[in-house]
Amino acid sequence: MTIDFEVNATGIDVSTSGYRDHVNLEVRGVELSDLISEIEGKALFQEIDLYDYIDWAEAAGHTDDILDRLDADEVIEWLRRKGHLEAES
């Protein structure tokens, strides 16, 4: 994936990465909100609460797809929040 964007920074360091055709790039002093606004529509997804995401999947009929990808503890916690399981004593 290639993303072109412009940001103002106070400093940039470029170094070799140890892999052919790759470099490390460190950018300092970038306003995070500026960076996010530059790439938001291209490749960045907004943070979403896991339980809201599961609720959305349930409403859309995709619960099985989502729950298969989650850790068992996350599924158990979601089931407790929805009232499907009793809270631990």
PDB file of N, CA and C in Angstrom:
ATOM      1  N   MET A   1       0.848  -1.163   0.000  1.00  0.00           N
ATOM      2  CA  MET A   1       0.000   0.000   0.000  1.00  0.00           C
ATOM      3  C   MET A   1       0.899   1.234   0.000  1.00  0.00           C
ATOM      4  N   THR A   2       0.569   2.224  -0.791  1.00  0.00           N
ATOM      5  CA  THR A   2       1.297   3.481  -0.848  1.00  0.00           C
ATOM      6  C   THR A   2       0.339   4.608  -0.525  1.00  0.00           C
ATOM      7  N   ILE A   3       0.759   5.479   0.384  1.00  0.00           N
ATOM      8  CA  ILE A   3      -0.056   6.619   0.766  1.00  0.00           C
ATOM      9  C   ILE A   3       0.819   7.862   0.655  1.00  0.00           C
ATOM     10  N   ASP A   4       0.377   8.848  -0.082  1.00  0.00           N
ATOM     11  CA  ASP A   4       1.078  10.118  -0.189  1.00  0.00           C
ATOM     12  C   ASP A   4       0.380  11.134   0.701  1.00  0.00           C
ATOM     13  N   PHE A   5       1.153  11.824   1.549  1.00  0.00           N
ATOM     14  CA  PHE A   5       0.587  12.880   2.379  1.00  0.00           C
ATOM     15  C   PHE A   5       1.688  13.851   2.767  1.00  0.00           C
ATOM     16  N   GLU A   6       1.290  15.045   3.172  1.00  0.00           N
ATOM     17  CA  GLU A   6       2.220  16.079   3.599  1.00  0.00           C
ATOM     18  C   GLU A   6       1.931  16.453   5.043  1.00  0.00           C
ATOM     19  N   VAL A   7       3.007  16.568   5.846  1.00  0.00           N
ATOM     20  CA  VAL A   7       2.886  17.028   7.223  1.00  0.00           C
ATOM     21  C   VAL A   7       4.065  17.941   7.533  1.00  0.00           C
ATOM     22  N   ASN A   8       3.898  18.797   8.512  1.00  0.00           N
ATOM     23  CA  ASN A   8       4.991  19.628   9.011  1.00  0.00           C
ATOM     24  C   ASN A   8       5.608  18.918  10.197  1.00  0.00           C
ATOM     25  N   ALA A   9       6.941  18.807  10.215  1.00  0.00           N
ATOM     26  CA  ALA A   9       7.646  18.132  11.287  1.00  0.00           C
ATOM     27  C   ALA A   9       8.810  18.988  11.756  1.00  0.00           C
ATOM     28  N   THR A  10       9.218  18.784  13.009  1.00  0.00           N
ATOM     29  CA  THR A  10      10.376  19.518  13.521  1.00  0.00           C
ATOM     30  C   THR A  10      11.675  18.774  13.247  1.00  0.00           C
ATOM     31  N   GLY A  11      11.594  17.487  12.920  1.00  0.00           N
ATOM     32  CA  GLY A  11      12.808  16.741  12.624  1.00  0.00           C
ATOM     33  C   GLY A  11      12.512  15.407  11.977  1.00  0.00           C
ATOM     34  N   ILE A  12      13.459  14.953  11.156  1.00  0.00           N
ATOM     35  CA  ILE A  12      13.332  13.656  10.489  1.00  0.00           C
ATOM     36  C   ILE A  12      14.689  12.970  10.518  1.00  0.00           C
ATOM     37  N   ASP A  13      14.727  11.694  10.903  1.00  0.00           N
ATOM     38  CA  ASP A  13      15.943  10.880  10.860  1.00  0.00           C
ATOM     39  C   ASP A  13      15.692   9.693   9.945  1.00  0.00           C
ATOM     40  N   VAL A  14      16.629   9.455   9.041  1.00  0.00           N
ATOM     41  CA  VAL A  14      16.547   8.317   8.129  1.00  0.00           C
ATOM     42  C   VAL A  14      17.767   7.447   8.372  1.00  0.00           C
ATOM     43  N   SER A  15      17.541   6.128   8.510  1.00  0.00           N
ATOM     44  CA  SER A  15      18.642   5.193   8.715  1.00  0.00           C
ATOM     45  C   SER A  15      18.359   3.902   7.971  1.00  0.00           C
ATOM     46  N   THR A  16      19.415   3.122   7.761  1.00  0.00           N
ATOM     47  CA  THR A  16      19.219   1.834   7.088  1.00  0.00           C
ATOM     48  C   THR A  16      18.537   0.873   8.042  1.00  0.00           C
ATOM     49  N   SER A  17      17.768  -0.043   7.492  1.00  0.00           N
ATOM     50  CA  SER A  17      16.996  -0.959   8.324  1.00  0.00           C
ATOM     51  C   SER A  17      17.647  -2.325   8.470  1.00  0.00           C
ATOM     52  N   GLY A  18      18.619  -2.624   7.641  1.00  0.00           N
ATOM     53  CA  GLY A  18      19.200  -3.953   7.647  1.00  0.00           C
ATOM     54  C   GLY A  18      18.575  -4.854   6.601  1.00  0.00           C
ATOM     55  N   TYR A  19      17.498  -4.421   6.008  1.00  0.00           N
ATOM     56  CA  TYR A  19      16.841  -5.153   4.926  1.00  0.00           C
ATOM     57  C   TYR A  19      17.066  -4.405   3.623  1.00  0.00           C
ATOM     58  N   ARG A  20      17.350  -5.125   2.577  1.00  0.00           N
ATOM     59  CA  ARG A  20      17.576  -4.498   1.282  1.00  0.00           C
ATOM     60  C   ARG A  20      16.315  -3.750   0.843  1.00  0.00           C
ATOM     61  N   ASP A  21      16.501  -2.575   0.314  1.00  0.00           N
ATOM     62  CA  ASP A  21      15.416  -1.729  -0.201  1.00  0.00           C
ATOM     63  C   ASP A  21      14.471  -1.209   0.876  1.00  0.00           C
ATOM     64  N   HIS A  22      14.905  -1.205   2.141  1.00  0.00           N
ATOM     65  CA  HIS A  22      14.072  -0.671   3.218  1.00  0.00           C
ATOM     66  C   HIS A  22      14.893   0.316   4.047  1.00  0.00           C
ATOM     67  N   VAL A  23      14.246   1.358   4.528  1.00  0.00           N
ATOM     68  CA  VAL A  23      14.884   2.311   5.433  1.00  0.00           C
ATOM     69  C   VAL A  23      13.961   2.549   6.620  1.00  0.00           C
ATOM     70  N   ASN A  24      14.549   2.988   7.712  1.00  0.00           N
ATOM     71  CA  ASN A  24      13.778   3.408   8.876  1.00  0.00           C
ATOM     72  C   ASN A  24      13.629   4.918   8.810  1.00  0.00           C
ATOM     73  N   LEU A  25      12.463   5.406   9.114  1.00  0.00           N
ATOM     74  CA  LEU A  25      12.196   6.838   9.082  1.00  0.00           C
ATOM     75  C   LEU A  25      11.563   7.226  10.405  1.00  0.00           C
ATOM     76  N   GLU A  26      12.205   8.151  11.106  1.00  0.00           N
ATOM     77  CA  GLU A  26      11.660   8.661  12.358  1.00  0.00           C
ATOM     78  C   GLU A  26      11.288  10.117  12.145  1.00  0.00           C
ATOM     79  N   VAL A  27      10.039  10.450  12.406  1.00  0.00           N
ATOM     80  CA  VAL A  27       9.544  11.813  12.214  1.00  0.00           C
ATOM     81  C   VAL A  27       9.174  12.354  13.589  1.00  0.00           C
ATOM     82  N   ARG A  28       9.730  13.538  13.921  1.00  0.00           N
ATOM     83  CA  ARG A  28       9.478  14.147  15.225  1.00  0.00           C
ATOM     84  C   ARG A  28       8.706  15.454  15.061  1.00  0.00           C
ATOM     85  N   GLY A  29       7.931  15.761  16.072  1.00  0.00           N
ATOM     86  CA  GLY A  29       7.253  17.045  16.127  1.00  0.00           C
ATOM     87  C   GLY A  29       6.106  17.203  15.153  1.00  0.00           C
ATOM     88  N   VAL A  30       5.389  16.142  14.901  1.00  0.00           N
ATOM     89  CA  VAL A  30       4.226  16.205  14.016  1.00  0.00           C
ATOM     90  C   VAL A  30       2.977  16.300  14.875  1.00  0.00           C
ATOM     91  N   GLU A  31       2.119  17.227  14.526  1.00  0.00           N
ATOM     92  CA  GLU A  31       0.843  17.353  15.220  1.00  0.00           C
ATOM     93  C   GLU A  31      -0.023  16.163  14.816  1.00  0.00           C
ATOM     94  N   LEU A  32      -0.406  15.350  15.774  1.00  0.00           N
ATOM     95  CA  LEU A  32      -1.137  14.115  15.482  1.00  0.00           C
ATOM     96  C   LEU A  32      -2.438  14.374  14.742  1.00  0.00           C
ATOM     97  N   SER A  33      -3.152  15.403  15.106  1.00  0.00           N
ATOM     98  CA  SER A  33      -4.426  15.680  14.427  1.00  0.00           C
ATOM     99  C   SER A  33      -4.196  16.012  12.947  1.00  0.00           C
ATOM    100  N   ASP A  34      -3.076  16.690  12.631  1.00  0.00           N
ATOM    101  CA  ASP A  34      -2.758  16.975  11.232  1.00  0.00           C
ATOM    102  C   ASP A  34      -2.483  15.695  10.465  1.00  0.00           C
ATOM    103  N   LEU A  35      -1.726  14.795  11.077  1.00  0.00           N
ATOM    104  CA  LEU A  35      -1.393  13.527  10.430  1.00  0.00           C
ATOM    105  C   LEU A  35      -2.648  12.695  10.187  1.00  0.00           C
ATOM    106  N   ILE A  36      -3.485  12.610  11.184  1.00  0.00           N
ATOM    107  CA  ILE A  36      -4.717  11.817  11.053  1.00  0.00           C
ATOM    108  C   ILE A  36      -5.619  12.394   9.968  1.00  0.00           C
ATOM    109  N   SER A  37      -5.747  13.707   9.921  1.00  0.00           N
ATOM    110  CA  SER A  37      -6.623  14.300   8.900  1.00  0.00           C
ATOM    111  C   SER A  37      -6.085  14.057   7.491  1.00  0.00           C
ATOM    112  N   GLU A  38      -4.766  13.916   7.348  1.00  0.00           N
ATOM    113  CA  GLU A  38      -4.171  13.650   6.036  1.00  0.00           C
ATOM    114  C   GLU A  38      -4.456  12.228   5.547  1.00  0.00           C
ATOM    115  N   ILE A  39      -4.438  11.254   6.455  1.00  0.00           N
ATOM    116  CA  ILE A  39      -4.563   9.852   6.017  1.00  0.00           C
ATOM    117  C   ILE A  39      -5.888   9.212   6.381  1.00  0.00           C
ATOM    118  N   GLU A  40      -6.745   9.928   7.059  1.00  0.00           N
ATOM    119  CA  GLU A  40      -7.980   9.355   7.588  1.00  0.00           C
ATOM    120  C   GLU A  40      -8.819   8.653   6.539  1.00  0.00           C
ATOM    121  N   GLY A  41      -9.084   9.273   5.441  1.00  0.00           N
ATOM    122  CA  GLY A  41      -9.947   8.671   4.430  1.00  0.00           C
ATOM    123  C   GLY A  41      -9.245   7.636   3.579  1.00  0.00           C
ATOM    124  N   LYS A  42      -7.926   7.536   3.684  1.00  0.00           N
ATOM    125  CA  LYS A  42      -7.161   6.663   2.807  1.00  0.00           C
ATOM    126  C   LYS A  42      -6.918   5.283   3.408  1.00  0.00           C
ATOM    127  N   ALA A  43      -6.506   5.230   4.671  1.00  0.00           N
ATOM    128  CA  ALA A  43      -6.158   3.929   5.224  1.00  0.00           C
ATOM    129  C   ALA A  43      -6.389   3.812   6.716  1.00  0.00           C
ATOM    130  N   LEU A  44      -6.815   4.860   7.379  1.00  0.00           N
ATOM    131  CA  LEU A  44      -6.926   4.851   8.828  1.00  0.00           C
ATOM    132  C   LEU A  44      -8.378   4.638   9.231  1.00  0.00           C
ATOM    133  N   PHE A  45      -8.587   3.730  10.142  1.00  0.00           N
ATOM    134  CA  PHE A  45      -9.931   3.463  10.640  1.00  0.00           C
ATOM    135  C   PHE A  45     -10.059   4.053  12.030  1.00  0.00           C
ATOM    136  N   GLN A  46     -11.183   4.633  12.308  1.00  0.00           N
ATOM    137  CA  GLN A  46     -11.428   5.189  13.631  1.00  0.00           C
ATOM    138  C   GLN A  46     -11.452   4.066  14.666  1.00  0.00           C
ATOM    139  N   GLU A  47     -11.037   4.387  15.869  1.00  0.00           N
ATOM    140  CA  GLU A  47     -11.108   3.415  16.961  1.00  0.00           C
ATOM    141  C   GLU A  47     -12.578   3.159  17.270  1.00  0.00           C
ATOM    142  N   ILE A  48     -12.888   1.920  17.527  1.00  0.00           N
ATOM    143  CA  ILE A  48     -14.262   1.562  17.874  1.00  0.00           C
ATOM    144  C   ILE A  48     -14.217   0.647  19.089  1.00  0.00           C
ATOM    145  N   ASP A  49     -15.131   0.860  19.988  1.00  0.00           N
ATOM    146  CA  ASP A  49     -15.215   0.034  21.172  1.00  0.00           C
ATOM    147  C   ASP A  49     -15.571  -1.396  20.763  1.00  0.00           C
ATOM    148  N   LEU A  50     -14.855  -2.365  21.299  1.00  0.00           N
ATOM    149  CA  LEU A  50     -15.071  -3.762  20.923  1.00  0.00           C
ATOM    150  C   LEU A  50     -16.516  -4.183  21.126  1.00  0.00           C
ATOM    151  N   TYR A  51     -17.118  -3.794  22.221  1.00  0.00           N
ATOM    152  CA  TYR A  51     -18.486  -4.225  22.501  1.00  0.00           C
ATOM    153  C   TYR A  51     -19.491  -3.567  21.558  1.00  0.00           C
ATOM    154  N   ASP A  52     -19.214  -2.321  21.164  1.00  0.00           N
ATOM    155  CA  ASP A  52     -20.073  -1.679  20.164  1.00  0.00           C
ATOM    156  C   ASP A  52     -19.961  -2.403  18.826  1.00  0.00           C
ATOM    157  N   TYR A  53     -18.738  -2.843  18.493  1.00  0.00           N
ATOM    158  CA  TYR A  53     -18.511  -3.569  17.248  1.00  0.00           C
ATOM    159  C   TYR A  53     -19.250  -4.901  17.248  1.00  0.00           C
ATOM    160  N   ILE A  54     -19.195  -5.607  18.365  1.00  0.00           N
ATOM    161  CA  ILE A  54     -19.909  -6.885  18.469  1.00  0.00           C
ATOM    162  C   ILE A  54     -21.412  -6.653  18.381  1.00  0.00           C
ATOM    163  N   ASP A  55     -21.891  -5.585  19.044  1.00  0.00           N
ATOM    164  CA  ASP A  55     -23.318  -5.263  18.967  1.00  0.00           C
ATOM    165  C   ASP A  55     -23.731  -4.967  17.521  1.00  0.00           C
ATOM    166  N   TRP A  56     -22.890  -4.216  16.797  1.00  0.00           N
ATOM    167  CA  TRP A  56     -23.176  -3.939  15.395  1.00  0.00           C
ATOM    168  C   TRP A  56     -23.226  -5.245  14.598  1.00  0.00           C
ATOM    169  N   ALA A  57     -22.256  -6.135  14.831  1.00  0.00           N
ATOM    170  CA  ALA A  57     -22.199  -7.414  14.111  1.00  0.00           C
ATOM    171  C   ALA A  57     -23.439  -8.248  14.407  1.00  0.00           C
ATOM    172  N   GLU A  58     -23.876  -8.217  15.662  1.00  0.00           N
ATOM    173  CA  GLU A  58     -25.069  -8.972  16.037  1.00  0.00           C
ATOM    174  C   GLU A  58     -26.288  -8.431  15.288  1.00  0.00           C
ATOM    175  N   ALA A  59     -26.421  -7.117  15.239  1.00  0.00           N
ATOM    176  CA  ALA A  59     -27.567  -6.500  14.556  1.00  0.00           C
ATOM    177  C   ALA A  59     -27.527  -6.761  13.047  1.00  0.00           C
ATOM    178  N   ALA A  60     -26.326  -6.890  12.493  1.00  0.00           N
ATOM    179  CA  ALA A  60     -26.174  -7.110  11.055  1.00  0.00           C
ATOM    180  C   ALA A  60     -26.149  -8.584  10.675  1.00  0.00           C
ATOM    181  N   GLY A  61     -26.278  -9.459  11.683  1.00  0.00           N
ATOM    182  CA  GLY A  61     -26.282 -10.892  11.402  1.00  0.00           C
ATOM    183  C   GLY A  61     -24.904 -11.483  11.171  1.00  0.00           C
ATOM    184  N   HIS A  62     -23.854 -10.830  11.675  1.00  0.00           N
ATOM    185  CA  HIS A  62     -22.491 -11.304  11.473  1.00  0.00           C
ATOM    186  C   HIS A  62     -21.828 -11.764  12.774  1.00  0.00           C
ATOM    187  N   THR A  63     -22.620 -12.075  13.774  1.00  0.00           N
ATOM    188  CA  THR A  63     -22.063 -12.422  15.078  1.00  0.00           C
ATOM    189  C   THR A  63     -21.085 -13.584  15.005  1.00  0.00           C
ATOM    190  N   ASP A  64     -21.447 -14.645  14.303  1.00  0.00           N
ATOM    191  CA  ASP A  64     -20.559 -15.816  14.228  1.00  0.00           C
ATOM    192  C   ASP A  64     -19.211 -15.455  13.627  1.00  0.00           C
ATOM    193  N   ASP A  65     -19.203 -14.624  12.583  1.00  0.00           N
ATOM    194  CA  ASP A  65     -17.950 -14.216  11.945  1.00  0.00           C
ATOM    195  C   ASP A  65     -17.054 -13.462  12.915  1.00  0.00           C
ATOM    196  N   ILE A  66     -17.637 -12.562  13.682  1.00  0.00           N
ATOM    197  CA  ILE A  66     -16.865 -11.729  14.602  1.00  0.00           C
ATOM    198  C   ILE A  66     -16.406 -12.543  15.810  1.00  0.00           C
ATOM    199  N   LEU A  67     -17.294 -13.298  16.410  1.00  0.00           N
ATOM    200  CA  LEU A  67     -16.947 -14.030  17.624  1.00  0.00           C
ATOM    201  C   LEU A  67     -15.867 -15.080  17.367  1.00  0.00           C
ATOM    202  N   ASP A  68     -15.803 -15.625  16.160  1.00  0.00           N
ATOM    203  CA  ASP A  68     -14.749 -16.594  15.830  1.00  0.00           C
ATOM    204  C   ASP A  68     -13.365 -15.969  15.890  1.00  0.00           C
ATOM    205  N   ARG A  69     -13.265 -14.675  15.706  1.00  0.00           N
ATOM    206  CA  ARG A  69     -11.971 -13.984  15.667  1.00  0.00           C
ATOM    207  C   ARG A  69     -11.511 -13.484  17.025  1.00  0.00           C
ATOM    208  N   LEU A  70     -12.374 -13.525  18.028  1.00  0.00           N
ATOM    209  CA  LEU A  70     -12.069 -12.935  19.319  1.00  0.00           C
ATOM    210  C   LEU A  70     -11.530 -13.951  20.311  1.00  0.00           C
ATOM    211  N   ASP A  71     -10.816 -13.428  21.275  1.00  0.00           N
ATOM    212  CA  ASP A  71     -10.327 -14.210  22.399  1.00  0.00           C
ATOM    213  C   ASP A  71     -11.537 -14.668  23.229  1.00  0.00           C
ATOM    214  N   ALA A  72     -11.457 -15.851  23.798  1.00  0.00           N
ATOM    215  CA  ALA A  72     -12.577 -16.409  24.576  1.00  0.00           C
ATOM    216  C   ALA A  72     -12.966 -15.494  25.735  1.00  0.00           C
ATOM    217  N   ASP A  73     -11.992 -14.873  26.390  1.00  0.00           N
ATOM    218  CA  ASP A  73     -12.302 -13.975  27.510  1.00  0.00           C
ATOM    219  C   ASP A  73     -13.104 -12.760  27.051  1.00  0.00           C
ATOM    220  N   GLU A  74     -12.821 -12.247  25.845  1.00  0.00           N
ATOM    221  CA  GLU A  74     -13.574 -11.119  25.310  1.00  0.00           C
ATOM    222  C   GLU A  74     -15.013 -11.518  25.015  1.00  0.00           C
ATOM    223  N   VAL A  75     -15.200 -12.703  24.493  1.00  0.00           N
ATOM    224  CA  VAL A  75     -16.540 -13.202  24.197  1.00  0.00           C
ATOM    225  C   VAL A  75     -17.329 -13.375  25.494  1.00  0.00           C
ATOM    226  N   ILE A  76     -16.703 -13.955  26.504  1.00  0.00           N
ATOM    227  CA  ILE A  76     -17.367 -14.171  27.795  1.00  0.00           C
ATOM    228  C   ILE A  76     -17.760 -12.830  28.415  1.00  0.00           C
ATOM    229  N   GLU A  77     -16.858 -11.849  28.377  1.00  0.00           N
ATOM    230  CA  GLU A  77     -17.169 -10.532  28.931  1.00  0.00           C
ATOM    231  C   GLU A  77     -18.338  -9.887  28.189  1.00  0.00           C
ATOM    232  N   TRP A  78     -18.364 -10.004  26.857  1.00  0.00           N
ATOM    233  CA  TRP A  78     -19.474  -9.453  26.077  1.00  0.00           C
ATOM    234  C   TRP A  78     -20.784 -10.143  26.446  1.00  0.00           C
ATOM    235  N   LEU A  79     -20.756 -11.471  26.576  1.00  0.00           N
ATOM    236  CA  LEU A  79     -21.966 -12.205  26.956  1.00  0.00           C
ATOM    237  C   LEU A  79     -22.468 -11.772  28.333  1.00  0.00           C
ATOM    238  N   ARG A  80     -21.546 -11.519  29.263  1.00  0.00           N
ATOM    239  CA  ARG A  80     -21.944 -11.031  30.589  1.00  0.00           C
ATOM    240  C   ARG A  80     -22.595  -9.652  30.478  1.00  0.00           C
ATOM    241  N   ARG A  81     -21.995  -8.769  29.700  1.00  0.00           N
ATOM    242  CA  ARG A  81     -22.543  -7.420  29.544  1.00  0.00           C
ATOM    243  C   ARG A  81     -23.936  -7.438  28.930  1.00  0.00           C
ATOM    244  N   LYS A  82     -24.184  -8.390  28.050  1.00  0.00           N
ATOM    245  CA  LYS A  82     -25.488  -8.505  27.403  1.00  0.00           C
ATOM    246  C   LYS A  82     -26.500  -9.253  28.252  1.00  0.00           C
ATOM    247  N   GLY A  83     -26.063  -9.773  29.411  1.00  0.00           N
ATOM    248  CA  GLY A  83     -26.969 -10.474  30.306  1.00  0.00           C
ATOM    249  C   GLY A  83     -27.176 -11.935  29.959  1.00  0.00           C
ATOM    250  N   HIS A  84     -26.334 -12.479  29.082  1.00  0.00           N
ATOM    251  CA  HIS A  84     -26.458 -13.884  28.713  1.00  0.00           C
ATOM    252  C   HIS A  84     -25.749 -14.811  29.699  1.00  0.00           C
ATOM    253  N   LEU A  85     -24.852 -14.265  30.495  1.00  0.00           N
ATOM    254  CA  LEU A  85     -24.151 -15.030  31.525  1.00  0.00           C
ATOM    255  C   LEU A  85     -24.209 -14.252  32.826  1.00  0.00           C
ATOM    256  N   GLU A  86     -24.207 -14.973  33.934  1.00  0.00           N
ATOM    257  CA  GLU A  86     -24.178 -14.304  35.227  1.00  0.00           C
ATOM    258  C   GLU A  86     -22.764 -13.819  35.500  1.00  0.00           C
ATOM    259  N   ALA A  87     -22.666 -12.722  36.235  1.00  0.00           N
ATOM    260  CA  ALA A  87     -21.358 -12.177  36.609  1.00  0.00           C
ATOM    261  C   ALA A  87     -20.662 -13.136  37.557  1.00  0.00           C
ATOM    262  N   GLU A  88     -19.319 -13.103  37.544  1.00  0.00           N
ATOM    263  CA  GLU A  88     -18.555 -13.965  38.442  1.00  0.00           C
ATOM    264  C   GLU A  88     -18.808 -13.556  39.877  1.00  0.00           C
ATOM    265  N   SER A  89     -18.799 -14.532  40.774  1.00  0.00           N
ATOM    266  CA  SER A  89     -19.025 -14.246  42.198  1.00  0.00           C
ATOM    267  C   SER A  89     -17.748 -13.807  42.856  1.00  0.00           C
TER     268      SER A  89
END
